[in-house]
Amino acid sequence: MTQSLYVCAGTLHLSSYFENSAKFAQLVEPQNNQSFVSLSPLETLKKVSGRLMGFLHGREKVEEPRRRLLVVDDEESICFSMQEYFTHHGYNVETAKEVDQAERLIKAGKYEVIIQDLRLGTTKNPDGLDIIRLAHECSPDTRIVVLTAYGSAEVELEAKASGADAFLRKPQPLSQVAQVVRGLIESPRRWVAPHV
């Protein structure tokens, strides 16, 4: 059986991927004491092809760097749900619940996208505008999505003038936020200098 797979590998010019016959034999040996004796050669090939493809492509696979995302919101449930959702979808997510914490993170590293609320804590000031300005000062390519329940037409205009790329009102489905994030990452930035 193993011999016929060697012939198949040779025919497909795959033998160069195997340093020695022991490695190939280990790859095609049945797992859990299963037997391929009753299987036709085609069925046998189908059975081991998954392992063979994993072996062949596993060594060539290059892990893409995960996109960095920062969520700034004083509601722990929002930070948690966003972190879980975006981490599951391949992002490296950090969270901040306070202005000082967000400023430290922004100064320390570059993020592709920041999703943030405008009001943090019990203040009535939209302190998120300062975070937008700081993010653009530290990393002009960072895309910013404002996600807030305190939105008005005036605040939206001010946020966009400060450099926000998108303005969403809470509550918003995570899939919709993710769609906006993907759209911003994939589209080129039309840079407009924020008003200071």
N, C-alpha and C. Protein backbone atom coordinates (compact mmCIF):
# COMPACT_ATOMS: atom_id res chain seq x y z
N MET A 1 0.82 -1.19 0.00
CA MET A 1 0.00 0.00 0.00
C MET A 1 0.86 1.25 0.00
N THR A 2 1.80 1.33 0.96
CA THR A 2 2.67 2.49 1.04
C THR A 2 3.47 2.64 -0.24
N GLN A 3 3.86 1.48 -0.83
CA GLN A 3 4.64 1.50 -2.06
C GLN A 3 3.86 2.18 -3.19
N SER A 4 2.55 1.90 -3.30
CA SER A 4 1.75 2.52 -4.36
C SER A 4 1.64 4.02 -4.16
N LEU A 5 1.64 4.48 -2.90
CA LEU A 5 1.61 5.92 -2.65
C LEU A 5 2.94 6.57 -3.00
N TYR A 6 4.04 5.82 -2.80
CA TYR A 6 5.35 6.33 -3.22
C TYR A 6 5.36 6.55 -4.74
N VAL A 7 4.79 5.57 -5.46
CA VAL A 7 4.73 5.67 -6.92
C VAL A 7 3.88 6.86 -7.32
N CYS A 8 2.73 7.04 -6.65
CA CYS A 8 1.85 8.18 -6.92
C CYS A 8 2.58 9.49 -6.66
N ALA A 9 3.28 9.58 -5.54
CA ALA A 9 4.03 10.80 -5.21
C ALA A 9 5.11 11.05 -6.24
N GLY A 10 5.76 9.99 -6.69
CA GLY A 10 6.79 10.15 -7.72
C GLY A 10 6.20 10.62 -9.02
N THR A 11 5.05 10.07 -9.39
CA THR A 11 4.38 10.47 -10.63
C THR A 11 3.99 11.94 -10.58
N LEU A 12 3.56 12.40 -9.44
CA LEU A 12 3.17 13.80 -9.29
C LEU A 12 4.35 14.72 -8.98
N HIS A 13 5.55 14.15 -9.02
CA HIS A 13 6.78 14.91 -8.74
C HIS A 13 6.76 15.53 -7.35
N LEU A 14 6.24 14.79 -6.39
CA LEU A 14 6.18 15.27 -5.01
C LEU A 14 7.28 14.68 -4.15
N SER A 15 8.04 13.75 -4.71
CA SER A 15 9.03 13.04 -3.90
C SER A 15 10.09 13.99 -3.34
N SER A 16 10.32 15.13 -3.98
CA SER A 16 11.33 16.07 -3.48
C SER A 16 10.92 16.70 -2.16
N TYR A 17 9.63 16.62 -1.81
CA TYR A 17 9.17 17.19 -0.55
C TYR A 17 9.52 16.30 0.64
N PHE A 18 9.92 15.06 0.39
CA PHE A 18 10.16 14.12 1.46
C PHE A 18 11.65 13.84 1.58
N GLU A 19 12.21 14.12 2.76
CA GLU A 19 13.64 13.91 2.96
C GLU A 19 14.00 12.42 2.99
N ASN A 20 13.15 11.62 3.57
CA ASN A 20 13.42 10.18 3.62
C ASN A 20 12.11 9.41 3.64
N SER A 21 12.22 8.14 3.38
CA SER A 21 11.02 7.32 3.27
C SER A 21 10.28 7.18 4.59
N ALA A 22 10.98 7.30 5.72
CA ALA A 22 10.32 7.16 7.02
C ALA A 22 9.31 8.27 7.23
N LYS A 23 9.66 9.49 6.82
CA LYS A 23 8.75 10.62 6.99
C LYS A 23 7.48 10.43 6.15
N PHE A 24 7.66 9.95 4.90
CA PHE A 24 6.51 9.72 4.05
C PHE A 24 5.64 8.58 4.59
N ALA A 25 6.30 7.53 5.04
CA ALA A 25 5.56 6.39 5.59
C ALA A 25 4.75 6.83 6.80
N GLN A 26 5.33 7.71 7.63
CA GLN A 26 4.63 8.21 8.81
C GLN A 26 3.41 9.03 8.39
N LEU A 27 3.54 9.76 7.30
CA LEU A 27 2.44 10.59 6.81
C LEU A 27 1.26 9.75 6.33
N VAL A 28 1.56 8.66 5.65
CA VAL A 28 0.47 7.88 5.05
C VAL A 28 -0.01 6.72 5.90
N GLU A 29 0.65 6.46 7.05
CA GLU A 29 0.21 5.36 7.91
C GLU A 29 -1.20 5.65 8.41
N PRO A 30 -2.05 4.67 8.48
CA PRO A 30 -3.40 4.90 8.99
C PRO A 30 -3.37 5.32 10.46
N GLN A 31 -4.26 6.23 10.83
CA GLN A 31 -4.36 6.67 12.21
C GLN A 31 -5.37 5.78 12.94
N ASN A 32 -5.16 5.67 14.24
CA ASN A 32 -6.07 4.90 15.11
C ASN A 32 -6.25 3.46 14.62
N ASN A 33 -5.19 2.86 14.15
CA ASN A 33 -5.20 1.47 13.70
C ASN A 33 -6.25 1.19 12.63
N GLN A 34 -6.61 2.21 11.83
CA GLN A 34 -7.54 1.99 10.74
C GLN A 34 -6.78 1.32 9.60
N SER A 35 -7.47 0.55 8.84
CA SER A 35 -6.82 -0.16 7.74
C SER A 35 -7.36 0.35 6.41
N PHE A 36 -6.42 0.50 5.45
CA PHE A 36 -6.82 0.91 4.11
C PHE A 36 -6.93 -0.31 3.18
N VAL A 37 -6.80 -1.52 3.74
CA VAL A 37 -6.73 -2.73 2.92
C VAL A 37 -7.96 -2.87 2.04
N SER A 38 -9.14 -2.58 2.54
CA SER A 38 -10.36 -2.79 1.78
C SER A 38 -10.67 -1.62 0.84
N LEU A 39 -9.84 -0.58 0.85
CA LEU A 39 -10.10 0.58 0.01
C LEU A 39 -9.40 0.45 -1.34
N SER A 40 -10.03 1.01 -2.35
CA SER A 40 -9.40 1.03 -3.67
C SER A 40 -8.26 2.04 -3.64
N PRO A 41 -7.35 2.00 -4.60
CA PRO A 41 -6.25 2.98 -4.62
C PRO A 41 -6.75 4.42 -4.65
N LEU A 42 -7.84 4.68 -5.40
CA LEU A 42 -8.38 6.04 -5.46
C LEU A 42 -8.94 6.46 -4.10
N GLU A 43 -9.65 5.57 -3.43
CA GLU A 43 -10.19 5.88 -2.10
C GLU A 43 -9.07 6.10 -1.10
N THR A 44 -8.01 5.30 -1.23
CA THR A 44 -6.86 5.45 -0.35
C THR A 44 -6.21 6.80 -0.56
N LEU A 45 -6.06 7.19 -1.81
CA LEU A 45 -5.45 8.48 -2.13
C LEU A 45 -6.30 9.62 -1.57
N LYS A 46 -7.63 9.50 -1.72
CA LYS A 46 -8.52 10.52 -1.17
C LYS A 46 -8.38 10.61 0.34
N LYS A 47 -8.24 9.43 0.96
CA LYS A 47 -8.17 9.37 2.43
C LYS A 47 -6.92 10.08 2.95
N VAL A 48 -5.78 9.90 2.25
CA VAL A 48 -4.53 10.49 2.74
C VAL A 48 -4.25 11.86 2.14
N SER A 49 -5.05 12.28 1.14
CA SER A 49 -4.75 13.54 0.46
C SER A 49 -4.84 14.73 1.40
N GLY A 50 -5.77 14.69 2.34
CA GLY A 50 -5.87 15.79 3.29
C GLY A 50 -4.61 15.92 4.10
N ARG A 51 -4.09 14.79 4.60
CA ARG A 51 -2.85 14.82 5.36
C ARG A 51 -1.68 15.22 4.48
N LEU A 52 -1.67 14.73 3.24
CA LEU A 52 -0.59 15.05 2.32
C LEU A 52 -0.59 16.54 1.99
N MET A 53 -1.77 17.11 1.70
CA MET A 53 -1.85 18.55 1.39
C MET A 53 -1.45 19.39 2.59
N GLY A 54 -1.87 18.96 3.77
CA GLY A 54 -1.47 19.69 4.97
C GLY A 54 0.03 19.68 5.15
N PHE A 55 0.62 18.52 4.87
CA PHE A 55 2.06 18.39 5.00
C PHE A 55 2.78 19.26 3.97
N LEU A 56 2.30 19.21 2.72
CA LEU A 56 2.95 19.97 1.65
C LEU A 56 2.81 21.47 1.83
N HIS A 57 1.61 21.91 2.17
CA HIS A 57 1.37 23.35 2.27
C HIS A 57 1.70 23.91 3.64
N GLY A 58 1.77 23.04 4.62
CA GLY A 58 2.07 23.51 5.98
C GLY A 58 3.43 24.18 6.07
N ARG A 59 4.41 23.67 5.35
CA ARG A 59 5.75 24.24 5.45
C ARG A 59 5.88 25.53 4.64
N GLU A 60 4.96 25.76 3.67
CA GLU A 60 5.05 26.95 2.84
C GLU A 60 4.12 28.05 3.33
N LYS A 61 3.22 27.72 4.23
CA LYS A 61 2.23 28.69 4.68
C LYS A 61 2.89 29.79 5.50
N VAL A 62 2.61 31.02 5.13
CA VAL A 62 3.15 32.16 5.84
C VAL A 62 2.01 32.82 6.60
N GLU A 63 2.19 32.94 7.89
CA GLU A 63 1.16 33.54 8.74
C GLU A 63 1.12 35.04 8.48
N GLU A 64 -0.05 35.55 8.07
CA GLU A 64 -0.19 36.98 7.85
C GLU A 64 -0.27 37.68 9.20
N PRO A 65 0.33 38.86 9.30
CA PRO A 65 0.24 39.58 10.57
C PRO A 65 -1.21 39.98 10.84
N ARG A 66 -1.61 39.87 12.08
CA ARG A 66 -2.98 40.23 12.45
C ARG A 66 -3.10 41.75 12.53
N ARG A 67 -4.20 42.26 12.04
CA ARG A 67 -4.44 43.71 12.07
C ARG A 67 -4.72 44.15 13.50
N ARG A 68 -4.13 45.27 13.87
CA ARG A 68 -4.28 45.77 15.24
C ARG A 68 -5.47 46.72 15.32
N LEU A 69 -6.27 46.52 16.37
CA LEU A 69 -7.48 47.30 16.55
C LEU A 69 -7.58 47.71 18.02
N LEU A 70 -7.98 48.93 18.27
CA LEU A 70 -8.17 49.42 19.64
C LEU A 70 -9.63 49.80 19.82
N VAL A 71 -10.22 49.32 20.91
CA VAL A 71 -11.60 49.67 21.27
C VAL A 71 -11.53 50.54 22.52
N VAL A 72 -12.09 51.75 22.42
CA VAL A 72 -12.10 52.68 23.56
C VAL A 72 -13.55 52.94 23.94
N ASP A 73 -13.94 52.40 25.09
CA ASP A 73 -15.32 52.57 25.56
C ASP A 73 -15.34 52.32 27.06
N ASP A 74 -16.10 53.12 27.80
CA ASP A 74 -16.14 52.95 29.25
C ASP A 74 -17.08 51.82 29.68
N GLU A 75 -17.85 51.25 28.76
CA GLU A 75 -18.72 50.13 29.08
C GLU A 75 -17.96 48.82 28.87
N GLU A 76 -17.74 48.11 29.96
CA GLU A 76 -16.95 46.88 29.89
C GLU A 76 -17.59 45.85 28.97
N SER A 77 -18.91 45.78 28.95
CA SER A 77 -19.59 44.80 28.10
C SER A 77 -19.31 45.05 26.62
N ILE A 78 -19.23 46.32 26.23
CA ILE A 78 -18.93 46.65 24.83
C ILE A 78 -17.49 46.29 24.50
N CYS A 79 -16.57 46.63 25.39
CA CYS A 79 -15.16 46.28 25.18
C CYS A 79 -15.01 44.77 25.04
N PHE A 80 -15.67 44.03 25.93
CA PHE A 80 -15.55 42.57 25.92
C PHE A 80 -16.13 41.98 24.63
N SER A 81 -17.34 42.38 24.28
CA SER A 81 -17.98 41.80 23.09
C SER A 81 -17.22 42.15 21.82
N MET A 82 -16.72 43.39 21.72
CA MET A 82 -15.94 43.78 20.54
C MET A 82 -14.62 43.01 20.49
N GLN A 83 -13.98 42.85 21.63
CA GLN A 83 -12.71 42.13 21.66
C GLN A 83 -12.92 40.67 21.23
N GLU A 84 -13.96 40.03 21.76
CA GLU A 84 -14.25 38.65 21.39
C GLU A 84 -14.57 38.52 19.89
N TYR A 85 -15.43 39.39 19.41
CA TYR A 85 -15.88 39.32 18.02
C TYR A 85 -14.71 39.54 17.05
N PHE A 86 -13.98 40.62 17.24
CA PHE A 86 -12.90 40.94 16.30
C PHE A 86 -11.70 40.00 16.44
N THR A 87 -11.43 39.50 17.63
CA THR A 87 -10.37 38.51 17.80
C THR A 87 -10.73 37.25 17.03
N HIS A 88 -11.99 36.85 17.12
CA HIS A 88 -12.47 35.68 16.38
C HIS A 88 -12.32 35.87 14.87
N HIS A 89 -12.39 37.11 14.41
CA HIS A 89 -12.29 37.41 12.98
C HIS A 89 -10.87 37.82 12.57
N GLY A 90 -9.88 37.48 13.39
CA GLY A 90 -8.49 37.63 12.97
C GLY A 90 -7.79 38.92 13.33
N TYR A 91 -8.36 39.70 14.21
CA TYR A 91 -7.72 40.95 14.63
C TYR A 91 -7.00 40.76 15.96
N ASN A 92 -6.01 41.58 16.19
CA ASN A 92 -5.35 41.66 17.49
C ASN A 92 -5.98 42.87 18.17
N VAL A 93 -6.77 42.64 19.21
CA VAL A 93 -7.60 43.69 19.80
C VAL A 93 -7.13 44.05 21.20
N GLU A 94 -7.00 45.35 21.45
CA GLU A 94 -6.75 45.87 22.79
C GLU A 94 -7.91 46.79 23.15
N THR A 95 -8.14 46.95 24.45
CA THR A 95 -9.25 47.80 24.89
C THR A 95 -8.77 48.81 25.92
N ALA A 96 -9.48 49.92 25.97
CA ALA A 96 -9.23 50.96 26.97
C ALA A 96 -10.57 51.50 27.44
N LYS A 97 -10.68 51.71 28.76
CA LYS A 97 -11.94 52.22 29.31
C LYS A 97 -11.84 53.67 29.77
N GLU A 98 -10.62 54.19 29.80
CA GLU A 98 -10.40 55.56 30.25
C GLU A 98 -9.54 56.32 29.26
N VAL A 99 -9.63 57.63 29.27
CA VAL A 99 -8.87 58.48 28.36
C VAL A 99 -7.37 58.26 28.54
N ASP A 100 -6.89 58.26 29.79
CA ASP A 100 -5.46 58.10 30.05
C ASP A 100 -4.94 56.77 29.50
N GLN A 101 -5.69 55.71 29.71
CA GLN A 101 -5.30 54.39 29.23
C GLN A 101 -5.26 54.38 27.70
N ALA A 102 -6.25 54.98 27.06
CA ALA A 102 -6.30 55.04 25.59
C ALA A 102 -5.11 55.83 25.06
N GLU A 103 -4.79 56.96 25.70
CA GLU A 103 -3.66 57.78 25.25
C GLU A 103 -2.35 57.00 25.36
N ARG A 104 -2.15 56.26 26.45
CA ARG A 104 -0.92 55.46 26.60
C ARG A 104 -0.80 54.42 25.50
N LEU A 105 -1.90 53.72 25.21
CA LEU A 105 -1.88 52.70 24.18
C LEU A 105 -1.61 53.29 22.79
N ILE A 106 -2.23 54.42 22.50
CA ILE A 106 -2.04 55.07 21.19
C ILE A 106 -0.61 55.54 21.02
N LYS A 107 -0.03 56.09 22.07
CA LYS A 107 1.36 56.56 21.99
C LYS A 107 2.35 55.40 21.88
N ALA A 108 1.98 54.24 22.45
CA ALA A 108 2.90 53.10 22.49
C ALA A 108 2.88 52.26 21.21
N GLY A 109 1.80 52.27 20.47
CA GLY A 109 1.73 51.39 19.29
C GLY A 109 0.82 51.93 18.22
N LYS A 110 1.00 51.38 17.02
CA LYS A 110 0.21 51.81 15.87
C LYS A 110 -0.96 50.87 15.68
N TYR A 111 -2.14 51.44 15.49
CA TYR A 111 -3.36 50.66 15.24
C TYR A 111 -3.86 50.99 13.85
N GLU A 112 -4.42 49.97 13.19
CA GLU A 112 -5.01 50.25 11.88
C GLU A 112 -6.37 50.93 12.05
N VAL A 113 -7.10 50.50 13.09
CA VAL A 113 -8.42 51.07 13.34
C VAL A 113 -8.62 51.27 14.83
N ILE A 114 -9.24 52.38 15.18
CA ILE A 114 -9.68 52.63 16.55
C ILE A 114 -11.20 52.79 16.51
N ILE A 115 -11.88 52.00 17.34
CA ILE A 115 -13.33 52.13 17.50
C ILE A 115 -13.53 52.76 18.87
N GLN A 116 -14.19 53.90 18.90
CA GLN A 116 -14.27 54.60 20.19
C GLN A 116 -15.58 55.31 20.41
N ASP A 117 -15.88 55.44 21.69
CA ASP A 117 -17.02 56.23 22.13
C ASP A 117 -16.54 57.67 22.25
N LEU A 118 -17.47 58.62 22.28
CA LEU A 118 -17.07 60.02 22.44
C LEU A 118 -17.04 60.45 23.89
N ARG A 119 -17.87 59.83 24.72
CA ARG A 119 -17.90 60.19 26.14
C ARG A 119 -17.45 59.00 26.96
N LEU A 120 -16.43 59.22 27.76
CA LEU A 120 -15.92 58.17 28.63
C LEU A 120 -16.15 58.59 30.07
N GLY A 121 -16.67 57.68 30.87
CA GLY A 121 -16.94 58.01 32.27
C GLY A 121 -18.20 58.83 32.40
N THR A 122 -18.27 59.58 33.48
CA THR A 122 -19.48 60.34 33.78
C THR A 122 -19.44 61.77 33.27
N THR A 123 -18.33 62.16 32.62
CA THR A 123 -18.25 63.53 32.11
C THR A 123 -19.21 63.73 30.95
N LYS A 124 -19.66 64.95 30.80
CA LYS A 124 -20.55 65.27 29.68
C LYS A 124 -19.77 65.80 28.50
N ASN A 125 -18.46 65.97 28.68
CA ASN A 125 -17.61 66.45 27.58
C ASN A 125 -17.33 65.31 26.61
N PRO A 126 -17.32 65.60 25.32
CA PRO A 126 -16.96 64.57 24.35
C PRO A 126 -15.43 64.41 24.30
N ASP A 127 -14.84 63.79 25.36
CA ASP A 127 -13.39 63.67 25.45
C ASP A 127 -12.82 62.74 24.38
N GLY A 128 -13.69 62.03 23.68
CA GLY A 128 -13.24 61.18 22.57
C GLY A 128 -12.65 62.00 21.43
N LEU A 129 -13.03 63.27 21.33
CA LEU A 129 -12.46 64.12 20.28
C LEU A 129 -10.96 64.30 20.49
N ASP A 130 -10.54 64.40 21.76
CA ASP A 130 -9.11 64.51 22.05
C ASP A 130 -8.37 63.24 21.64
N ILE A 131 -9.01 62.09 21.80
CA ILE A 131 -8.40 60.83 21.41
C ILE A 131 -8.25 60.77 19.89
N ILE A 132 -9.25 61.25 19.16
CA ILE A 132 -9.16 61.28 17.70
C ILE A 132 -7.96 62.13 17.27
N ARG A 133 -7.84 63.31 17.86
CA ARG A 133 -6.73 64.21 17.50
C ARG A 133 -5.38 63.59 17.82
N LEU A 134 -5.27 62.97 18.99
CA LEU A 134 -4.02 62.33 19.40
C LEU A 134 -3.67 61.18 18.46
N ALA A 135 -4.67 60.38 18.10
CA ALA A 135 -4.43 59.24 17.20
C ALA A 135 -3.87 59.72 15.87
N HIS A 136 -4.42 60.79 15.33
CA HIS A 136 -3.92 61.31 14.05
C HIS A 136 -2.55 61.95 14.19
N GLU A 137 -2.29 62.50 15.34
CA GLU A 137 -0.96 63.09 15.58
C GLU A 137 0.10 61.99 15.66
N CYS A 138 -0.22 60.89 16.35
CA CYS A 138 0.73 59.79 16.53
C CYS A 138 0.81 58.88 15.31
N SER A 139 -0.30 58.67 14.64
CA SER A 139 -0.34 57.74 13.50
C SER A 139 -1.40 58.21 12.50
N PRO A 140 -1.00 59.05 11.55
CA PRO A 140 -1.98 59.63 10.62
C PRO A 140 -2.75 58.61 9.77
N ASP A 141 -2.22 57.40 9.62
CA ASP A 141 -2.90 56.40 8.80
C ASP A 141 -3.97 55.62 9.55
N THR A 142 -4.04 55.79 10.86
CA THR A 142 -5.04 55.08 11.66
C THR A 142 -6.44 55.55 11.27
N ARG A 143 -7.33 54.57 11.04
CA ARG A 143 -8.72 54.88 10.71
C ARG A 143 -9.53 54.88 12.00
N ILE A 144 -10.45 55.81 12.13
CA ILE A 144 -11.19 55.96 13.38
C ILE A 144 -12.70 55.87 13.13
N VAL A 145 -13.31 54.98 13.92
CA VAL A 145 -14.76 54.80 13.88
C VAL A 145 -15.30 55.26 15.22
N VAL A 146 -16.17 56.24 15.18
CA VAL A 146 -16.84 56.71 16.40
C VAL A 146 -18.12 55.90 16.54
N LEU A 147 -18.29 55.30 17.71
CA LEU A 147 -19.49 54.52 18.03
C LEU A 147 -20.03 55.06 19.34
N THR A 148 -21.08 55.85 19.26
CA THR A 148 -21.55 56.55 20.45
C THR A 148 -23.06 56.63 20.51
N ALA A 149 -23.58 56.77 21.73
CA ALA A 149 -25.01 56.99 21.93
C ALA A 149 -25.31 58.48 22.05
N TYR A 150 -24.25 59.29 22.11
CA TYR A 150 -24.41 60.73 22.33
C TYR A 150 -24.25 61.52 21.05
N GLY A 151 -24.73 60.96 19.96
CA GLY A 151 -24.52 61.61 18.68
C GLY A 151 -25.56 62.64 18.36
N SER A 152 -25.09 63.76 17.86
CA SER A 152 -25.96 64.78 17.29
C SER A 152 -25.29 65.22 16.00
N ALA A 153 -26.00 65.96 15.18
CA ALA A 153 -25.42 66.41 13.91
C ALA A 153 -24.18 67.27 14.16
N GLU A 154 -24.22 68.11 15.20
CA GLU A 154 -23.08 68.98 15.52
C GLU A 154 -21.87 68.15 15.96
N VAL A 155 -22.12 67.18 16.85
CA VAL A 155 -21.04 66.35 17.36
C VAL A 155 -20.44 65.52 16.23
N GLU A 156 -21.28 65.00 15.33
CA GLU A 156 -20.79 64.23 14.20
C GLU A 156 -19.88 65.08 13.32
N LEU A 157 -20.32 66.30 13.03
CA LEU A 157 -19.49 67.20 12.22
C LEU A 157 -18.17 67.49 12.91
N GLU A 158 -18.20 67.71 14.21
CA GLU A 158 -16.97 68.00 14.95
C GLU A 158 -16.04 66.79 14.97
N ALA A 159 -16.61 65.60 15.13
CA ALA A 159 -15.81 64.37 15.13
C ALA A 159 -15.14 64.18 13.77
N LYS A 160 -15.88 64.38 12.70
CA LYS A 160 -15.31 64.23 11.36
C LYS A 160 -14.28 65.32 11.07
N ALA A 161 -14.53 66.52 11.56
CA ALA A 161 -13.55 67.60 11.39
C ALA A 161 -12.27 67.30 12.17
N SER A 162 -12.39 66.55 13.26
CA SER A 162 -11.23 66.18 14.06
C SER A 162 -10.46 65.01 13.44
N GLY A 163 -11.09 64.32 12.48
CA GLY A 163 -10.39 63.23 11.80
C GLY A 163 -11.08 61.88 11.84
N ALA A 164 -12.31 61.79 12.37
CA ALA A 164 -13.03 60.52 12.38
C ALA A 164 -13.41 60.12 10.96
N ASP A 165 -13.27 58.84 10.64
CA ASP A 165 -13.59 58.34 9.30
C ASP A 165 -15.04 57.88 9.19
N ALA A 166 -15.62 57.44 10.29
CA ALA A 166 -17.00 56.96 10.28
C ALA A 166 -17.65 57.31 11.61
N PHE A 167 -18.94 57.52 11.58
CA PHE A 167 -19.69 57.90 12.78
C PHE A 167 -20.92 57.00 12.86
N LEU A 168 -20.97 56.15 13.88
CA LEU A 168 -22.09 55.21 14.06
C LEU A 168 -22.75 55.48 15.40
N ARG A 169 -24.06 55.27 15.42
CA ARG A 169 -24.79 55.47 16.67
C ARG A 169 -25.10 54.12 17.31
N LYS A 170 -24.97 54.08 18.64
CA LYS A 170 -25.31 52.87 19.40
C LYS A 170 -26.82 52.79 19.53
N PRO A 171 -27.36 51.58 19.62
CA PRO A 171 -26.70 50.29 19.46
C PRO A 171 -26.49 49.98 17.98
N GLN A 172 -25.49 49.20 17.69
CA GLN A 172 -25.13 48.85 16.31
C GLN A 172 -24.71 47.37 16.30
N PRO A 173 -25.23 46.57 15.40
CA PRO A 173 -24.81 45.16 15.37
C PRO A 173 -23.31 45.05 15.10
N LEU A 174 -22.66 44.10 15.74
CA LEU A 174 -21.22 43.92 15.55
C LEU A 174 -20.87 43.66 14.09
N SER A 175 -21.73 42.96 13.39
CA SER A 175 -21.46 42.68 11.97
C SER A 175 -21.42 43.97 11.16
N GLN A 176 -22.26 44.94 11.52
CA GLN A 176 -22.27 46.23 10.82
C GLN A 176 -21.00 47.01 11.13
N VAL A 177 -20.57 46.98 12.39
CA VAL A 177 -19.33 47.67 12.77
C VAL A 177 -18.16 47.03 12.03
N ALA A 178 -18.16 45.69 11.96
CA ALA A 178 -17.08 44.97 11.26
C ALA A 178 -17.06 45.32 9.78
N GLN A 179 -18.22 45.48 9.20
CA GLN A 179 -18.30 45.83 7.78
C GLN A 179 -17.70 47.22 7.55
N VAL A 180 -17.97 48.15 8.42
CA VAL A 180 -17.40 49.50 8.32
C VAL A 180 -15.88 49.43 8.49
N VAL A 181 -15.42 48.66 9.47
CA VAL A 181 -13.98 48.52 9.71
C VAL A 181 -13.27 47.94 8.48
N ARG A 182 -13.83 46.87 7.93
CA ARG A 182 -13.23 46.27 6.72
C ARG A 182 -13.20 47.25 5.57
N GLY A 183 -14.30 47.99 5.39
CA GLY A 183 -14.38 48.98 4.32
C GLY A 183 -13.30 50.05 4.46
N LEU A 184 -13.08 50.50 5.69
CA LEU A 184 -12.06 51.52 5.92
C LEU A 184 -10.66 50.98 5.66
N ILE A 185 -10.39 49.74 6.09
CA ILE A 185 -9.07 49.15 5.89
C ILE A 185 -8.79 48.96 4.40
N GLU A 186 -9.80 48.54 3.66
CA GLU A 186 -9.61 48.24 2.25
C GLU A 186 -9.62 49.46 1.35
N SER A 187 -10.17 50.56 1.81
CA SER A 187 -10.24 51.75 0.95
C SER A 187 -9.07 52.68 1.25
N PRO A 188 -8.59 53.37 0.22
CA PRO A 188 -7.49 54.31 0.45
C PRO A 188 -7.96 55.49 1.27
N ARG A 189 -7.07 56.02 2.06
CA ARG A 189 -7.42 57.17 2.91
C ARG A 189 -7.46 58.44 2.06
N ARG A 190 -8.56 59.18 2.20
CA ARG A 190 -8.62 60.52 1.60
C ARG A 190 -8.31 61.49 2.73
N TRP A 191 -7.05 61.83 2.82
CA TRP A 191 -6.59 62.57 3.98
C TRP A 191 -7.06 64.01 3.96
N VAL A 192 -7.66 64.41 5.06
CA VAL A 192 -8.03 65.80 5.30
C VAL A 192 -7.44 66.16 6.64
N ALA A 193 -6.64 67.19 6.68
CA ALA A 193 -6.00 67.59 7.95
C ALA A 193 -7.08 67.97 8.95
N PRO A 194 -7.05 67.39 10.14
CA PRO A 194 -8.08 67.72 11.15
C PRO A 194 -7.91 69.15 11.66
N HIS A 195 -9.04 69.73 12.03
CA HIS A 195 -9.02 71.07 12.64
C HIS A 195 -8.51 70.95 14.05
N VAL A 196 -7.63 71.83 14.44
CA VAL A 196 -7.07 71.77 15.80
C VAL A 196 -7.65 72.86 16.65
